[in-house]
Amino acid sequence: METHLEGESPSPPPYILWSVPKRTPTTTTIKWDKTPSNVGGPMPQNGGGKGWLTDQNTGQKVMPKEWEDFLEWLLSEERVPSTARAWCDERGLNERSVRRWKVDPRFVREWDRRASELNVHPERTQSVVNALYKQAAGGDVKAASLYLQYIERFTPKRRVTVDDERDSSSLSDAELAAELDGLVAGLRSE
């Protein structure tokens, strides 16, 4: 509990402070707002979440056009302009606006969904595999290891089960060699 001297007014918390100029240009009046929404000063109105429309056909929420444009820019291979600040400057937006967009759960969900679609696109995957193969063929051991791990996914796995009631330890070396030759010949003919 705070205590104050007689005649002294309690000072408001410093994190909810902004200045409002008086009519005379030399003095300033300080107003305090203790509502949680104004912590750190007044919240600029940038449409933060407003503007999401509902598609009449699907009932799904549709992202505002500016947000969609920003998402396209984020997912583009060559970003022009190269920074978010420059992108905002071109459109007359405050950079804090796009920072808020990037943490909006709806925006993040769409960003994740579209990024994962883009990253598993066959053309992108194939170009990476081609580059990996070129490096592996050039002698890069790490690239060769990664390439072989990748192609292992596409090689068929075979499971050989031998139903023989005889114990293999009771076979002679010649019998074991003949058995093995028969299995190899059978696999080659497949």
Protein backbone atom coordinates (compact mmCIF):
# COMPACT_ATOMS: atom_id res chain seq x y z
CA MET A 1 0.00 0.00 0.00
CA GLU A 2 1.31 3.44 -0.91
CA THR A 3 1.54 6.20 1.66
CA HIS A 4 1.53 9.89 0.80
CA LEU A 5 2.33 13.02 2.75
CA GLU A 6 -0.58 15.22 3.67
CA GLY A 7 -1.55 17.45 0.75
CA GLU A 8 0.46 15.38 -1.72
CA SER A 9 -1.43 13.57 -4.46
CA PRO A 10 -0.50 10.02 -5.42
CA SER A 11 1.56 9.77 -8.57
CA PRO A 12 0.16 7.57 -11.28
CA PRO A 13 2.22 4.69 -12.68
CA PRO A 14 4.79 5.92 -15.25
CA TYR A 15 3.81 3.38 -17.91
CA ILE A 16 0.46 5.01 -18.70
CA LEU A 17 1.60 8.51 -19.56
CA TRP A 18 1.19 10.81 -22.52
CA SER A 19 1.28 14.55 -22.98
CA VAL A 20 -1.51 16.82 -24.16
CA PRO A 21 -0.46 20.38 -25.06
CA LYS A 22 -2.39 23.24 -23.45
CA ARG A 23 -3.42 26.34 -25.34
CA THR A 24 -0.24 28.09 -24.30
CA PRO A 25 2.78 26.68 -26.18
CA THR A 26 5.13 26.66 -23.16
CA THR A 27 3.29 24.32 -20.78
CA THR A 28 2.06 20.76 -20.94
CA THR A 29 -0.63 18.94 -19.02
CA ILE A 30 -0.21 15.28 -18.22
CA LYS A 31 -3.28 13.05 -18.39
CA TRP A 32 -3.41 9.60 -16.87
CA ASP A 33 -5.42 6.73 -18.21
CA LYS A 34 -5.39 3.59 -16.09
CA THR A 35 -7.13 1.33 -18.60
CA PRO A 36 -5.02 -1.69 -19.62
CA SER A 37 -5.59 -1.03 -23.32
CA ASN A 38 -3.63 2.19 -23.09
CA VAL A 39 -0.55 0.86 -21.35
CA GLY A 40 2.38 2.45 -23.12
CA GLY A 41 0.30 5.27 -24.60
CA PRO A 42 -2.66 5.49 -26.88
CA MET A 43 -3.03 2.67 -29.39
CA PRO A 44 -2.80 3.88 -32.97
CA GLN A 45 -5.76 2.91 -35.11
CA ASN A 46 -4.28 0.91 -37.97
CA GLY A 47 -7.13 -1.48 -38.54
CA GLY A 48 -5.50 -4.05 -36.22
CA GLY A 49 -7.82 -6.90 -36.99
CA LYS A 50 -10.62 -4.71 -38.29
CA GLY A 51 -11.27 -5.20 -41.95
CA TRP A 52 -11.42 -8.99 -41.93
CA LEU A 53 -14.49 -9.82 -43.97
CA THR A 54 -16.56 -12.97 -44.06
CA ASP A 55 -16.77 -14.77 -47.39
CA GLN A 56 -20.47 -15.17 -48.20
CA ASN A 57 -19.95 -18.57 -49.88
CA THR A 58 -17.72 -20.31 -47.35
CA GLY A 59 -18.33 -18.37 -44.14
CA GLN A 60 -14.55 -18.11 -43.70
CA LYS A 61 -12.85 -14.90 -42.58
CA VAL A 62 -10.93 -13.23 -45.41
CA MET A 63 -7.74 -11.29 -44.76
CA PRO A 64 -7.71 -7.56 -45.68
CA LYS A 65 -6.03 -6.71 -49.02
CA GLU A 66 -3.06 -4.91 -47.38
CA TRP A 67 -2.40 -7.91 -45.15
CA GLU A 68 -2.62 -10.22 -48.19
CA ASP A 69 -0.15 -8.03 -50.09
CA PHE A 70 2.25 -8.13 -47.15
CA LEU A 71 1.95 -11.92 -46.91
CA GLU A 72 2.68 -12.23 -50.64
CA TRP A 73 5.75 -10.06 -50.14
CA LEU A 74 6.91 -12.19 -47.17
CA LEU A 75 6.57 -15.39 -49.22
CA SER A 76 8.14 -14.05 -52.41
CA GLU A 77 11.49 -15.45 -53.46
CA GLU A 78 13.02 -12.05 -54.20
CA ARG A 79 11.59 -9.41 -51.90
CA VAL A 80 11.24 -6.05 -53.60
CA PRO A 81 11.70 -3.83 -51.68
CA SER A 82 14.17 -5.76 -49.59
CA THR A 83 13.03 -4.69 -46.10
CA ALA A 84 9.70 -4.48 -44.29
CA ARG A 85 10.43 -0.84 -43.48
CA ALA A 86 10.81 0.00 -47.18
CA TRP A 87 7.65 -2.00 -47.98
CA CYS A 88 5.75 0.04 -45.38
CA ASP A 89 7.21 3.34 -46.63
CA GLU A 90 6.01 2.57 -50.17
CA ARG A 91 2.47 2.12 -48.86
CA GLY A 92 2.46 4.86 -46.25
CA LEU A 93 2.14 2.38 -43.37
CA ASN A 94 3.79 2.44 -39.99
CA GLU A 95 6.23 -0.42 -39.52
CA ARG A 96 4.59 -1.27 -36.18
CA SER A 97 1.42 -2.12 -38.09
CA VAL A 98 3.04 -5.01 -39.94
CA ARG A 99 4.73 -6.17 -36.75
CA ARG A 100 1.27 -6.45 -35.20
CA TRP A 101 0.00 -8.29 -38.28
CA LYS A 102 2.83 -10.80 -37.96
CA VAL A 103 1.67 -11.79 -34.46
CA ASP A 104 -2.05 -11.87 -35.25
CA PRO A 105 -3.06 -15.55 -34.88
CA ARG A 106 -5.12 -15.51 -38.09
CA PHE A 107 -2.23 -14.04 -40.07
CA VAL A 108 0.27 -16.49 -38.53
CA ARG A 109 -2.00 -19.46 -39.37
CA GLU A 110 -2.29 -18.39 -43.01
CA TRP A 111 1.44 -17.60 -43.20
CA ASP A 112 2.35 -21.05 -41.84
CA ARG A 113 -0.11 -22.81 -44.16
CA ARG A 114 1.10 -21.05 -47.29
CA ALA A 115 4.78 -21.32 -46.38
CA SER A 116 4.47 -25.08 -45.87
CA GLU A 117 2.69 -25.44 -49.23
CA LEU A 118 5.41 -23.40 -50.89
CA ASN A 119 8.28 -25.28 -49.26
CA VAL A 120 7.04 -28.74 -50.26
CA HIS A 121 6.28 -27.76 -53.83
CA PRO A 122 7.86 -30.40 -56.12
CA GLU A 123 9.73 -27.85 -58.25
CA ARG A 124 11.43 -26.35 -55.20
CA THR A 125 12.29 -29.74 -53.77
CA GLN A 126 13.70 -30.96 -57.08
CA SER A 127 15.92 -27.88 -57.50
CA VAL A 128 17.40 -28.50 -54.02
CA VAL A 129 17.95 -32.18 -54.81
CA ASN A 130 19.65 -31.25 -58.10
CA ALA A 131 21.99 -28.81 -56.35
CA LEU A 132 22.74 -31.43 -53.69
CA TYR A 133 23.54 -34.02 -56.36
CA LYS A 134 25.92 -31.63 -58.17
CA GLN A 135 27.82 -30.98 -54.95
CA ALA A 136 27.88 -34.68 -54.07
CA ALA A 137 29.17 -35.59 -57.54
CA GLY A 138 31.84 -32.92 -57.10
CA GLY A 139 33.20 -34.71 -54.04
CA ASP A 140 31.36 -33.04 -51.15
CA VAL A 141 31.01 -35.86 -48.62
CA LYS A 142 28.28 -34.16 -46.56
CA ALA A 143 26.23 -33.49 -49.71
CA ALA A 144 26.71 -37.12 -50.79
CA SER A 145 25.48 -38.33 -47.42
CA LEU A 146 22.40 -36.08 -47.54
CA TYR A 147 21.66 -37.08 -51.15
CA LEU A 148 21.86 -40.78 -50.30
CA GLN A 149 19.59 -40.28 -47.31
CA TYR A 150 17.10 -38.54 -49.58
CA ILE A 151 17.05 -41.22 -52.30
CA GLU A 152 16.86 -44.00 -49.72
CA ARG A 153 13.22 -42.98 -49.22
CA PHE A 154 12.49 -44.09 -52.79
CA THR A 155 14.29 -47.43 -52.84
CA PRO A 156 12.03 -50.38 -52.21
CA LYS A 157 12.61 -52.24 -48.99
CA ARG A 158 12.75 -56.03 -49.19
CA ARG A 159 12.27 -58.39 -46.38
CA VAL A 160 13.61 -61.89 -46.85
CA THR A 161 12.09 -64.65 -44.77
CA VAL A 162 13.53 -68.13 -44.99
CA ASP A 163 11.18 -70.92 -44.06
CA ASP A 164 13.52 -73.78 -43.51
CA GLU A 165 13.03 -76.26 -40.80
CA ARG A 166 16.68 -77.24 -40.83
CA ASP A 167 19.03 -75.44 -38.52
CA SER A 168 21.57 -73.43 -40.54
CA SER A 169 24.34 -74.52 -38.18
CA SER A 170 23.84 -78.11 -39.34
CA LEU A 171 24.49 -77.19 -43.03
CA SER A 172 27.91 -77.56 -44.57
CA ASP A 173 29.71 -74.62 -46.17
CA ALA A 174 28.92 -75.94 -49.64
CA GLU A 175 25.22 -76.26 -48.76
CA LEU A 176 25.15 -72.72 -47.37
CA ALA A 177 26.87 -71.34 -50.50
CA ALA A 178 24.42 -73.18 -52.77
CA GLU A 179 21.46 -71.86 -50.73
CA LEU A 180 22.80 -68.31 -50.93
CA ASP A 181 23.43 -68.57 -54.70
CA GLY A 182 19.84 -69.74 -55.17
CA LEU A 183 18.46 -66.78 -53.21
CA VAL A 184 20.61 -64.26 -55.10
CA ALA A 185 19.58 -65.75 -58.45
CA GLY A 186 15.92 -65.50 -57.40
CA LEU A 187 16.31 -61.84 -56.43
CA ARG A 188 18.03 -60.97 -59.69
CA SER A 189 15.31 -62.55 -61.78
CA GLU A 190 12.62 -60.39 -60.15
